Amino acid sequence: MLKIRLMGTKNDIKWFSRILKRNKKVNVLQISEPYANKGTNRYYRMYAKVERTTQKVQ
């Protein structure tokens, strides 16, 4: 299992999390709510837990 921190604008994070969820080689276990970064109101961070899928992808 991997724990990944995504940082960027809310739109960028949502865009990339959709890519993660659609990837058949990765099983997304959990994605957190967005947290505001200190010192800025533009950038946020989210945390994702992912693991490899066990099924064979063609």
C-alpha atoms as a PDB file:
ATOM      1  CA  MET A   1       0.000   0.000   0.000  1.00  0.00           C
ATOM      2  CA  LEU A   2       1.139   3.531  -0.755  1.00  0.00           C
ATOM      3  CA  LYS A   3       0.125   6.739   0.955  1.00  0.00           C
ATOM      4  CA  ILE A   4       0.242   9.687  -1.430  1.00  0.00           C
ATOM      5  CA  ARG A   5      -0.045  13.396  -0.679  1.00  0.00           C
ATOM      6  CA  LEU A   6      -1.554  15.416  -3.524  1.00  0.00           C
ATOM      7  CA  MET A   7      -0.883  19.152  -3.478  1.00  0.00           C
ATOM      8  CA  GLY A   8      -2.237  21.838  -5.781  1.00  0.00           C
ATOM      9  CA  THR A   9      -5.415  23.710  -6.550  1.00  0.00           C
ATOM     10  CA  LYS A  10      -8.700  21.972  -5.776  1.00  0.00           C
ATOM     11  CA  ASN A  11      -9.379  21.485  -9.491  1.00  0.00           C
ATOM     12  CA  ASP A  12      -5.948  19.972 -10.128  1.00  0.00           C
ATOM     13  CA  ILE A  13      -6.334  17.555  -7.223  1.00  0.00           C
ATOM     14  CA  LYS A  14      -9.826  16.483  -8.334  1.00  0.00           C
ATOM     15  CA  TRP A  15      -8.541  15.985 -11.895  1.00  0.00           C
ATOM     16  CA  PHE A  16      -5.676  13.763 -10.778  1.00  0.00           C
ATOM     17  CA  SER A  17      -7.777  11.782  -8.296  1.00  0.00           C
ATOM     18  CA  ARG A  18     -10.175  10.907 -11.152  1.00  0.00           C
ATOM     19  CA  ILE A  19      -7.193   9.623 -13.147  1.00  0.00           C
ATOM     20  CA  LEU A  20      -6.135   7.460 -10.193  1.00  0.00           C
ATOM     21  CA  LYS A  21      -9.634   6.023  -9.785  1.00  0.00           C
ATOM     22  CA  ARG A  22      -9.910   5.132 -13.495  1.00  0.00           C
ATOM     23  CA  ASN A  23      -6.533   3.383 -13.626  1.00  0.00           C
ATOM     24  CA  LYS A  24      -7.136  -0.385 -13.624  1.00  0.00           C
ATOM     25  CA  LYS A  25      -3.692  -1.136 -12.225  1.00  0.00           C
ATOM     26  CA  VAL A  26      -4.385   0.840  -9.034  1.00  0.00           C
ATOM     27  CA  ASN A  27      -7.019   0.243  -6.389  1.00  0.00           C
ATOM     28  CA  VAL A  28      -7.837   3.495  -4.539  1.00  0.00           C
ATOM     29  CA  LEU A  29      -8.651   2.619  -0.944  1.00  0.00           C
ATOM     30  CA  GLN A  30      -9.291   6.104   0.412  1.00  0.00           C
ATOM     31  CA  ILE A  31      -9.057   9.778  -0.520  1.00  0.00           C
ATOM     32  CA  SER A  32      -9.296  12.416   2.196  1.00  0.00           C
ATOM     33  CA  GLU A  33     -11.117  15.719   2.194  1.00  0.00           C
ATOM     34  CA  PRO A  34      -9.096  18.756   1.009  1.00  0.00           C
ATOM     35  CA  TYR A  35      -7.023  20.593   3.609  1.00  0.00           C
ATOM     36  CA  ALA A  36      -5.964  24.208   3.096  1.00  0.00           C
ATOM     37  CA  ASN A  37      -2.208  24.805   3.081  1.00  0.00           C
ATOM     38  CA  LYS A  38      -1.013  27.325   5.620  1.00  0.00           C
ATOM     39  CA  GLY A  39      -0.152  30.730   4.253  1.00  0.00           C
ATOM     40  CA  THR A  40      -2.249  30.444   1.088  1.00  0.00           C
ATOM     41  CA  ASN A  41      -5.881  30.142   0.176  1.00  0.00           C
ATOM     42  CA  ARG A  42      -5.187  28.829  -3.329  1.00  0.00           C
ATOM     43  CA  TYR A  43      -3.373  25.563  -2.700  1.00  0.00           C
ATOM     44  CA  TYR A  44      -4.727  22.511  -0.911  1.00  0.00           C
ATOM     45  CA  ARG A  45      -3.593  19.005  -0.080  1.00  0.00           C
ATOM     46  CA  MET A  46      -5.361  15.673  -0.050  1.00  0.00           C
ATOM     47  CA  TYR A  47      -4.163  12.258   0.991  1.00  0.00           C
ATOM     48  CA  ALA A  48      -4.783   9.018  -0.902  1.00  0.00           C
ATOM     49  CA  LYS A  49      -4.208   5.392   0.031  1.00  0.00           C
ATOM     50  CA  VAL A  50      -3.674   3.140  -2.973  1.00  0.00           C
ATOM     51  CA  GLU A  51      -2.551  -0.393  -3.688  1.00  0.00           C
ATOM     52  CA  ARG A  52      -1.867  -2.522  -6.747  1.00  0.00           C
ATOM     53  CA  THR A  53      -4.758  -4.468  -8.136  1.00  0.00           C
ATOM     54  CA  THR A  54      -4.335  -8.195  -7.864  1.00  0.00           C
ATOM     55  CA  GLN A  55      -6.155  -9.030 -11.073  1.00  0.00           C
ATOM     56  CA  LYS A  56      -4.282  -9.249 -14.352  1.00  0.00           C
ATOM     57  CA  VAL A  57      -4.843  -6.204 -16.592  1.00  0.00           C
ATOM     58  CA  GLN A  58      -4.687  -6.660 -20.349  1.00  0.00           C
END
